[in-house]
PDB file of N, CA and C in Angstrom:
ATOM      1  N   SER A   1     -18.758  14.838 -10.538  1.00  0.00           N
ATOM      2  CA  SER A   1     -17.783  15.106  -9.497  1.00  0.00           C
ATOM      3  C   SER A   1     -18.285  14.596  -8.156  1.00  0.00           C
ATOM      4  N   MET A   2     -17.366  14.166  -7.336  1.00  0.00           N
ATOM      5  CA  MET A   2     -17.731  13.594  -6.046  1.00  0.00           C
ATOM      6  C   MET A   2     -17.845  14.644  -4.939  1.00  0.00           C
ATOM      7  N   GLN A   3     -17.348  15.838  -5.165  1.00  0.00           N
ATOM      8  CA  GLN A   3     -17.309  16.871  -4.130  1.00  0.00           C
ATOM      9  C   GLN A   3     -17.983  18.130  -4.662  1.00  0.00           C
ATOM     10  N   ARG A   4     -18.748  18.801  -3.813  1.00  0.00           N
ATOM     11  CA  ARG A   4     -19.404  20.044  -4.218  1.00  0.00           C
ATOM     12  C   ARG A   4     -18.385  21.169  -4.350  1.00  0.00           C
ATOM     13  N   GLY A   5     -18.708  22.173  -5.174  1.00  0.00           N
ATOM     14  CA  GLY A   5     -17.800  23.298  -5.369  1.00  0.00           C
ATOM     15  C   GLY A   5     -16.997  23.120  -6.649  1.00  0.00           C
ATOM     16  N   TRP A   6     -15.924  23.875  -6.765  1.00  0.00           N
ATOM     17  CA  TRP A   6     -15.142  23.804  -7.990  1.00  0.00           C
ATOM     18  C   TRP A   6     -13.997  22.806  -7.836  1.00  0.00           C
ATOM     19  N   ASN A   7     -13.455  22.393  -8.981  1.00  0.00           N
ATOM     20  CA  ASN A   7     -12.361  21.428  -8.958  1.00  0.00           C
ATOM     21  C   ASN A   7     -11.415  21.690 -10.122  1.00  0.00           C
ATOM     22  N   VAL A   8     -10.260  21.051 -10.058  1.00  0.00           N
ATOM     23  CA  VAL A   8      -9.255  21.147 -11.115  1.00  0.00           C
ATOM     24  C   VAL A   8      -8.937  19.725 -11.556  1.00  0.00           C
ATOM     25  N   LYS A   9      -9.092  19.476 -12.861  1.00  0.00           N
ATOM     26  CA  LYS A   9      -8.831  18.140 -13.393  1.00  0.00           C
ATOM     27  C   LYS A   9      -7.503  18.150 -14.137  1.00  0.00           C
ATOM     28  N   TYR A  10      -6.671  17.169 -13.831  1.00  0.00           N
ATOM     29  CA  TYR A  10      -5.386  17.037 -14.499  1.00  0.00           C
ATOM     30  C   TYR A  10      -5.426  15.827 -15.415  1.00  0.00           C
ATOM     31  N   LYS A  11      -4.964  16.047 -16.658  1.00  0.00           N
ATOM     32  CA  LYS A  11      -4.938  14.978 -17.655  1.00  0.00           C
ATOM     33  C   LYS A  11      -3.577  14.949 -18.332  1.00  0.00           C
ATOM     34  N   LYS A  12      -3.234  13.779 -18.840  1.00  0.00           N
ATOM     35  CA  LYS A  12      -2.018  13.620 -19.637  1.00  0.00           C
ATOM     36  C   LYS A  12      -2.380  12.754 -20.828  1.00  0.00           C
ATOM     37  N   ARG A  13      -2.158  13.269 -22.029  1.00  0.00           N
ATOM     38  CA  ARG A  13      -2.511  12.571 -23.274  1.00  0.00           C
ATOM     39  C   ARG A  13      -3.961  12.108 -23.267  1.00  0.00           C
ATOM     40  N   GLY A  14      -4.845  12.953 -22.743  1.00  0.00           N
ATOM     41  CA  GLY A  14      -6.269  12.652 -22.732  1.00  0.00           C
ATOM     42  C   GLY A  14      -6.719  11.728 -21.617  1.00  0.00           C
ATOM     43  N   LYS A  15      -5.786  11.232 -20.817  1.00  0.00           N
ATOM     44  CA  LYS A  15      -6.110  10.310 -19.724  1.00  0.00           C
ATOM     45  C   LYS A  15      -6.126  11.078 -18.404  1.00  0.00           C
ATOM     46  N   SER A  16      -7.191  10.891 -17.639  1.00  0.00           N
ATOM     47  CA  SER A  16      -7.322  11.582 -16.359  1.00  0.00           C
ATOM     48  C   SER A  16      -6.263  11.098 -15.372  1.00  0.00           C
ATOM     49  N   LEU A  17      -5.542  12.047 -14.756  1.00  0.00           N
ATOM     50  CA  LEU A  17      -4.561  11.703 -13.729  1.00  0.00           C
ATOM     51  C   LEU A  17      -5.180  11.800 -12.338  1.00  0.00           C
ATOM     52  N   CYS A  18      -5.875  12.917 -12.087  1.00  0.00           N
ATOM     53  CA  CYS A  18      -6.536  13.124 -10.800  1.00  0.00           C
ATOM     54  C   CYS A  18      -7.430  14.357 -10.903  1.00  0.00           C
ATOM     55  N   THR A  19      -8.288  14.512  -9.912  1.00  0.00           N
ATOM     56  CA  THR A  19      -9.117  15.707  -9.787  1.00  0.00           C
ATOM     57  C   THR A  19      -8.900  16.259  -8.389  1.00  0.00           C
ATOM     58  N   LEU A  20      -8.611  17.559  -8.303  1.00  0.00           N
ATOM     59  CA  LEU A  20      -8.369  18.202  -7.010  1.00  0.00           C
ATOM     60  C   LEU A  20      -9.553  19.075  -6.629  1.00  0.00           C
ATOM     61  N   TYR A  21      -9.921  19.003  -5.358  1.00  0.00           N
ATOM     62  CA  TYR A  21     -11.039  19.767  -4.809  1.00  0.00           C
ATOM     63  C   TYR A  21     -10.502  20.647  -3.687  1.00  0.00           C
ATOM     64  N   PRO A  22     -10.281  21.948  -3.954  1.00  0.00           N
ATOM     65  CA  PRO A  22      -9.751  22.840  -2.920  1.00  0.00           C
ATOM     66  C   PRO A  22     -10.720  22.990  -1.748  1.00  0.00           C
ATOM     67  N   GLN A  23     -10.175  22.968  -0.557  1.00  0.00           N
ATOM     68  CA  GLN A  23     -10.912  23.199   0.680  1.00  0.00           C
ATOM     69  C   GLN A  23     -10.152  24.287   1.440  1.00  0.00           C
ATOM     70  N   GLU A  24     -10.663  24.693   2.560  1.00  0.00           N
ATOM     71  CA  GLU A  24      -9.961  25.702   3.345  1.00  0.00           C
ATOM     72  C   GLU A  24      -8.851  25.035   4.157  1.00  0.00           C
ATOM     73  N   GLY A  25      -7.597  25.328   3.812  1.00  0.00           N
ATOM     74  CA  GLY A  25      -6.453  24.797   4.533  1.00  0.00           C
ATOM     75  C   GLY A  25      -5.932  23.454   4.035  1.00  0.00           C
ATOM     76  N   TYR A  26      -6.593  22.857   3.074  1.00  0.00           N
ATOM     77  CA  TYR A  26      -6.165  21.576   2.515  1.00  0.00           C
ATOM     78  C   TYR A  26      -6.899  21.364   1.194  1.00  0.00           C
ATOM     79  N   PHE A  27      -6.683  20.229   0.561  1.00  0.00           N
ATOM     80  CA  PHE A  27      -7.478  19.884  -0.616  1.00  0.00           C
ATOM     81  C   PHE A  27      -7.734  18.388  -0.612  1.00  0.00           C
ATOM     82  N   LYS A  28      -8.733  17.987  -1.370  1.00  0.00           N
ATOM     83  CA  LYS A  28      -9.020  16.568  -1.558  1.00  0.00           C
ATOM     84  C   LYS A  28      -8.624  16.209  -2.979  1.00  0.00           C
ATOM     85  N   ALA A  29      -8.154  14.991  -3.147  1.00  0.00           N
ATOM     86  CA  ALA A  29      -7.749  14.513  -4.464  1.00  0.00           C
ATOM     87  C   ALA A  29      -8.473  13.211  -4.763  1.00  0.00           C
ATOM     88  N   LEU A  30      -9.094  13.157  -5.923  1.00  0.00           N
ATOM     89  CA  LEU A  30      -9.695  11.918  -6.398  1.00  0.00           C
ATOM     90  C   LEU A  30      -8.679  11.256  -7.320  1.00  0.00           C
ATOM     91  N   VAL A  31      -8.187  10.101  -6.898  1.00  0.00           N
ATOM     92  CA  VAL A  31      -7.219   9.344  -7.688  1.00  0.00           C
ATOM     93  C   VAL A  31      -7.850   7.994  -8.002  1.00  0.00           C
ATOM     94  N   ILE A  32      -7.876   7.644  -9.273  1.00  0.00           N
ATOM     95  CA  ILE A  32      -8.470   6.381  -9.696  1.00  0.00           C
ATOM     96  C   ILE A  32      -7.353   5.384  -9.973  1.00  0.00           C
ATOM     97  N   VAL A  33      -7.443   4.239  -9.316  1.00  0.00           N
ATOM     98  CA  VAL A  33      -6.450   3.179  -9.487  1.00  0.00           C
ATOM     99  C   VAL A  33      -7.064   2.087 -10.356  1.00  0.00           C
ATOM    100  N   SER A  34      -6.407   1.790 -11.460  1.00  0.00           N
ATOM    101  CA  SER A  34      -6.903   0.777 -12.393  1.00  0.00           C
ATOM    102  C   SER A  34      -6.535  -0.626 -11.917  1.00  0.00           C
ATOM    103  N   GLU A  35      -7.447  -1.557 -12.126  1.00  0.00           N
ATOM    104  CA  GLU A  35      -7.182  -2.945 -11.746  1.00  0.00           C
ATOM    105  C   GLU A  35      -6.022  -3.527 -12.554  1.00  0.00           C
ATOM    106  N   SER A  36      -5.745  -2.958 -13.719  1.00  0.00           N
ATOM    107  CA  SER A  36      -4.628  -3.442 -14.536  1.00  0.00           C
ATOM    108  C   SER A  36      -3.277  -3.168 -13.874  1.00  0.00           C
ATOM    109  N   ASN A  37      -3.229  -2.228 -12.935  1.00  0.00           N
ATOM    110  CA  ASN A  37      -2.002  -1.901 -12.197  1.00  0.00           C
ATOM    111  C   ASN A  37      -2.034  -2.478 -10.781  1.00  0.00           C
ATOM    112  N   ARG A  38      -2.957  -3.352 -10.517  1.00  0.00           N
ATOM    113  CA  ARG A  38      -3.217  -3.804  -9.143  1.00  0.00           C
ATOM    114  C   ARG A  38      -1.978  -4.377  -8.444  1.00  0.00           C
ATOM    115  N   VAL A  39      -1.219  -5.241  -9.115  1.00  0.00           N
ATOM    116  CA  VAL A  39      -0.058  -5.872  -8.480  1.00  0.00           C
ATOM    117  C   VAL A  39       0.954  -4.820  -8.051  1.00  0.00           C
ATOM    118  N   GLU A  40       1.277  -3.894  -8.963  1.00  0.00           N
ATOM    119  CA  GLU A  40       2.254  -2.851  -8.654  1.00  0.00           C
ATOM    120  C   GLU A  40       1.749  -1.921  -7.550  1.00  0.00           C
ATOM    121  N   VAL A  41       0.481  -1.541  -7.637  1.00  0.00           N
ATOM    122  CA  VAL A  41      -0.087  -0.628  -6.641  1.00  0.00           C
ATOM    123  C   VAL A  41      -0.167  -1.312  -5.278  1.00  0.00           C
ATOM    124  N   ASP A  42      -0.563  -2.579  -5.244  1.00  0.00           N
ATOM    125  CA  ASP A  42      -0.611  -3.309  -3.970  1.00  0.00           C
ATOM    126  C   ASP A  42       0.760  -3.320  -3.294  1.00  0.00           C
ATOM    127  N   LEU A  43       1.811  -3.522  -4.066  1.00  0.00           N
ATOM    128  CA  LEU A  43       3.167  -3.495  -3.507  1.00  0.00           C
ATOM    129  C   LEU A  43       3.522  -2.103  -3.003  1.00  0.00           C
ATOM    130  N   PHE A  44       3.165  -1.079  -3.786  1.00  0.00           N
ATOM    131  CA  PHE A  44       3.462   0.300  -3.390  1.00  0.00           C
ATOM    132  C   PHE A  44       2.709   0.698  -2.123  1.00  0.00           C
ATOM    133  N   ILE A  45       1.452   0.304  -2.012  1.00  0.00           N
ATOM    134  CA  ILE A  45       0.613   0.696  -0.876  1.00  0.00           C
ATOM    135  C   ILE A  45       1.257   0.287   0.444  1.00  0.00           C
ATOM    136  N   ASN A  46       1.977  -0.823   0.450  1.00  0.00           N
ATOM    137  CA  ASN A  46       2.648  -1.270   1.677  1.00  0.00           C
ATOM    138  C   ASN A  46       3.683  -0.279   2.180  1.00  0.00           C
ATOM    139  N   THR A  47       4.154   0.622   1.312  1.00  0.00           N
ATOM    140  CA  THR A  47       5.149   1.624   1.710  1.00  0.00           C
ATOM    141  C   THR A  47       4.504   2.953   2.107  1.00  0.00           C
ATOM    142  N   CYS A  48       3.198   3.061   1.955  1.00  0.00           N
ATOM    143  CA  CYS A  48       2.483   4.321   2.207  1.00  0.00           C
ATOM    144  C   CYS A  48       2.179   4.522   3.688  1.00  0.00           C
ATOM    145  N   CYS A  49       1.772   5.744   3.997  1.00  0.00           N
ATOM    146  CA  CYS A  49       1.344   6.063   5.359  1.00  0.00           C
ATOM    147  C   CYS A  49       0.051   5.301   5.682  1.00  0.00           C
ATOM    148  N   ASP A  50      -0.250   5.191   6.964  1.00  0.00           N
ATOM    149  CA  ASP A  50      -1.424   4.429   7.410  1.00  0.00           C
ATOM    150  C   ASP A  50      -2.722   4.960   6.813  1.00  0.00           C
ATOM    151  N   TYR A  51      -2.826   6.282   6.647  1.00  0.00           N
ATOM    152  CA  TYR A  51      -4.043   6.892   6.101  1.00  0.00           C
ATOM    153  C   TYR A  51      -4.318   6.394   4.676  1.00  0.00           C
ATOM    154  N   ILE A  52      -3.301   6.399   3.834  1.00  0.00           N
ATOM    155  CA  ILE A  52      -3.458   5.937   2.448  1.00  0.00           C
ATOM    156  C   ILE A  52      -3.766   4.438   2.426  1.00  0.00           C
ATOM    157  N   LYS A  53      -3.078   3.665   3.252  1.00  0.00           N
ATOM    158  CA  LYS A  53      -3.352   2.220   3.336  1.00  0.00           C
ATOM    159  C   LYS A  53      -4.806   1.970   3.699  1.00  0.00           C
ATOM    160  N   LYS A  54      -5.302   2.720   4.675  1.00  0.00           N
ATOM    161  CA  LYS A  54      -6.681   2.550   5.146  1.00  0.00           C
ATOM    162  C   LYS A  54      -7.677   2.824   4.018  1.00  0.00           C
ATOM    163  N   ILE A  55      -7.502   3.944   3.331  1.00  0.00           N
ATOM    164  CA  ILE A  55      -8.409   4.294   2.231  1.00  0.00           C
ATOM    165  C   ILE A  55      -8.361   3.216   1.149  1.00  0.00           C
ATOM    166  N   TYR A  56      -7.164   2.843   0.753  1.00  0.00           N
ATOM    167  CA  TYR A  56      -7.008   1.859  -0.324  1.00  0.00           C
ATOM    168  C   TYR A  56      -7.663   0.528   0.042  1.00  0.00           C
ATOM    169  N   ASN A  57      -7.463   0.084   1.274  1.00  0.00           N
ATOM    170  CA  ASN A  57      -8.000  -1.214   1.696  1.00  0.00           C
ATOM    171  C   ASN A  57      -9.504  -1.190   1.934  1.00  0.00           C
ATOM    172  N   GLU A  58     -10.078  -0.020   2.218  1.00  0.00           N
ATOM    173  CA  GLU A  58     -11.520   0.087   2.456  1.00  0.00           C
ATOM    174  C   GLU A  58     -12.332   0.146   1.161  1.00  0.00           C
ATOM    175  N   VAL A  59     -11.715   0.607   0.084  1.00  0.00           N
ATOM    176  CA  VAL A  59     -12.426   0.776  -1.187  1.00  0.00           C
ATOM    177  C   VAL A  59     -12.266  -0.491  -2.025  1.00  0.00           C
ATOM    178  N   ASN A  60     -13.368  -0.969  -2.575  1.00  0.00           N
ATOM    179  CA  ASN A  60     -13.343  -2.154  -3.437  1.00  0.00           C
ATOM    180  C   ASN A  60     -13.229  -1.752  -4.902  1.00  0.00           C
ATOM    181  N   PHE A  61     -12.692  -2.653  -5.706  1.00  0.00           N
ATOM    182  CA  PHE A  61     -12.665  -2.417  -7.141  1.00  0.00           C
ATOM    183  C   PHE A  61     -14.088  -2.472  -7.669  1.00  0.00           C
ATOM    184  N   PHE A  62     -14.427  -1.518  -8.528  1.00  0.00           N
ATOM    185  CA  PHE A  62     -15.745  -1.449  -9.150  1.00  0.00           C
ATOM    186  C   PHE A  62     -15.540  -1.121 -10.619  1.00  0.00           C
ATOM    187  N   ASN A  63     -16.037  -1.955 -11.495  1.00  0.00           N
ATOM    188  CA  ASN A  63     -15.858  -1.771 -12.942  1.00  0.00           C
ATOM    189  C   ASN A  63     -14.387  -1.575 -13.309  1.00  0.00           C
ATOM    190  N   GLY A  64     -13.505  -2.316 -12.653  1.00  0.00           N
ATOM    191  CA  GLY A  64     -12.097  -2.302 -13.016  1.00  0.00           C
ATOM    192  C   GLY A  64     -11.252  -1.214 -12.395  1.00  0.00           C
ATOM    193  N   SER A  65     -11.790  -0.483 -11.399  1.00  0.00           N
ATOM    194  CA  SER A  65     -10.978   0.563 -10.773  1.00  0.00           C
ATOM    195  C   SER A  65     -11.429   0.849  -9.343  1.00  0.00           C
ATOM    196  N   LYS A  66     -10.514   1.465  -8.592  1.00  0.00           N
ATOM    197  CA  LYS A  66     -10.819   1.965  -7.249  1.00  0.00           C
ATOM    198  C   LYS A  66     -10.789   3.483  -7.322  1.00  0.00           C
ATOM    199  N   TRP A  67     -11.802   4.126  -6.763  1.00  0.00           N
ATOM    200  CA  TRP A  67     -11.861   5.578  -6.722  1.00  0.00           C
ATOM    201  C   TRP A  67     -11.490   6.015  -5.312  1.00  0.00           C
ATOM    202  N   LEU A  68     -10.304   6.590  -5.166  1.00  0.00           N
ATOM    203  CA  LEU A  68      -9.797   6.980  -3.856  1.00  0.00           C
ATOM    204  C   LEU A  68      -9.949   8.486  -3.658  1.00  0.00           C
ATOM    205  N   MET A  69     -10.737   8.891  -2.673  1.00  0.00           N
ATOM    206  CA  MET A  69     -10.870  10.307  -2.319  1.00  0.00           C
ATOM    207  C   MET A  69      -9.942  10.545  -1.135  1.00  0.00           C
ATOM    208  N   ILE A  70      -8.857  11.257  -1.392  1.00  0.00           N
ATOM    209  CA  ILE A  70      -7.788  11.426  -0.413  1.00  0.00           C
ATOM    210  C   ILE A  70      -7.774  12.863   0.097  1.00  0.00           C
ATOM    211  N   GLN A  71      -7.846  13.026   1.410  1.00  0.00           N
ATOM    212  CA  GLN A  71      -7.723  14.357   2.013  1.00  0.00           C
ATOM    213  C   GLN A  71      -6.235  14.640   2.187  1.00  0.00           C
ATOM    214  N   VAL A  72      -5.735  15.621   1.448  1.00  0.00           N
ATOM    215  CA  VAL A  72      -4.310  15.943   1.462  1.00  0.00           C
ATOM    216  C   VAL A  72      -4.094  17.124   2.403  1.00  0.00           C
ATOM    217  N   ASP A  73      -3.584  16.803   3.597  1.00  0.00           N
ATOM    218  CA  ASP A  73      -3.373  17.837   4.606  1.00  0.00           C
ATOM    219  C   ASP A  73      -2.003  17.719   5.269  1.00  0.00           C
ATOM    220  N   SER A  74      -1.122  16.915   4.653  1.00  0.00           N
ATOM    221  CA  SER A  74       0.248  16.798   5.160  1.00  0.00           C
ATOM    222  C   SER A  74       1.169  16.429   3.996  1.00  0.00           C
ATOM    223  N   LEU A  75       2.462  16.681   4.184  1.00  0.00           N
ATOM    224  CA  LEU A  75       3.434  16.335   3.144  1.00  0.00           C
ATOM    225  C   LEU A  75       3.517  14.828   2.933  1.00  0.00           C
ATOM    226  N   LEU A  76       3.355  14.070   3.988  1.00  0.00           N
ATOM    227  CA  LEU A  76       3.397  12.614   3.888  1.00  0.00           C
ATOM    228  C   LEU A  76       2.295  12.100   2.964  1.00  0.00           C
ATOM    229  N   VAL A  77       1.079  12.578   3.174  1.00  0.00           N
ATOM    230  CA  VAL A  77      -0.053  12.177   2.331  1.00  0.00           C
ATOM    231  C   VAL A  77       0.150  12.690   0.904  1.00  0.00           C
ATOM    232  N   LEU A  78       0.615  13.926   0.767  1.00  0.00           N
ATOM    233  CA  LEU A  78       0.864  14.500  -0.559  1.00  0.00           C
ATOM    234  C   LEU A  78       1.850  13.645  -1.347  1.00  0.00           C
ATOM    235  N   ASN A  79       2.949  13.268  -0.728  1.00  0.00           N
ATOM    236  CA  ASN A  79       3.961  12.470  -1.430  1.00  0.00           C
ATOM    237  C   ASN A  79       3.417  11.107  -1.848  1.00  0.00           C
ATOM    238  N   ASP A  80       2.654  10.462  -0.976  1.00  0.00           N
ATOM    239  CA  ASP A  80       2.052   9.172  -1.334  1.00  0.00           C
ATOM    240  C   ASP A  80       1.051   9.332  -2.476  1.00  0.00           C
ATOM    241  N   MET A  81       0.251  10.406  -2.425  1.00  0.00           N
ATOM    242  CA  MET A  81      -0.732  10.654  -3.480  1.00  0.00           C
ATOM    243  C   MET A  81      -0.031  10.880  -4.823  1.00  0.00           C
ATOM    244  N   LEU A  82       1.042  11.656  -4.826  1.00  0.00           N
ATOM    245  CA  LEU A  82       1.779  11.916  -6.065  1.00  0.00           C
ATOM    246  C   LEU A  82       2.355  10.628  -6.646  1.00  0.00           C
ATOM    247  N   GLU A  83       2.820   9.738  -5.792  1.00  0.00           N
ATOM    248  CA  GLU A  83       3.328   8.448  -6.266  1.00  0.00           C
ATOM    249  C   GLU A  83       2.202   7.603  -6.861  1.00  0.00           C
ATOM    250  N   LEU A  84       1.017   7.644  -6.248  1.00  0.00           N
ATOM    251  CA  LEU A  84      -0.133   6.906  -6.793  1.00  0.00           C
ATOM    252  C   LEU A  84      -0.499   7.404  -8.185  1.00  0.00           C
ATOM    253  N   ILE A  85      -0.422   8.715  -8.371  1.00  0.00           N
ATOM    254  CA  ILE A  85      -0.764   9.306  -9.670  1.00  0.00           C
ATOM    255  C   ILE A  85       0.179   8.801 -10.766  1.00  0.00           C
ATOM    256  N   LYS A  86       1.411   8.520 -10.414  1.00  0.00           N
ATOM    257  CA  LYS A  86       2.379   8.034 -11.407  1.00  0.00           C
ATOM    258  C   LYS A  86       1.924   6.729 -12.057  1.00  0.00           C
ATOM    259  N   PHE A  87       1.124   5.942 -11.347  1.00  0.00           N
ATOM    260  CA  PHE A  87       0.604   4.705 -11.938  1.00  0.00           C
ATOM    261  C   PHE A  87      -0.414   4.998 -13.036  1.00  0.00           C
ATOM    262  N   ARG A  88      -0.981   6.216 -13.048  1.00  0.00           N
ATOM    263  CA  ARG A  88      -1.950   6.623 -14.072  1.00  0.00           C
ATOM    264  C   ARG A  88      -1.263   7.194 -15.302  1.00  0.00           C
ATOM    265  N   ALA A  89      -0.075   7.723 -15.128  1.00  0.00           N
ATOM    266  CA  ALA A  89       0.607   8.446 -16.214  1.00  0.00           C
ATOM    267  C   ALA A  89       1.127   7.516 -17.293  1.00  0.00           C
TER     268      ALA A  89
END
């Protein structure tokens, strides 16, 4: 795990969707973006809030995926994060 403390892992058909790390007043979400979805995700990222764009553009692909640690503290970020998870489902 990337964050200390407890976490909640969500899976669908054995495939990891995301991991949530509760904090006080917000939570962090680890969302992994596969390089196989890169074209679709790149197009989607252009519609996201500046915070999500910044995280996505700062992280490089490593072993075929990007590991995005997203601080979810607003509805805007939450909605973008939920859309990103759909690429994993």
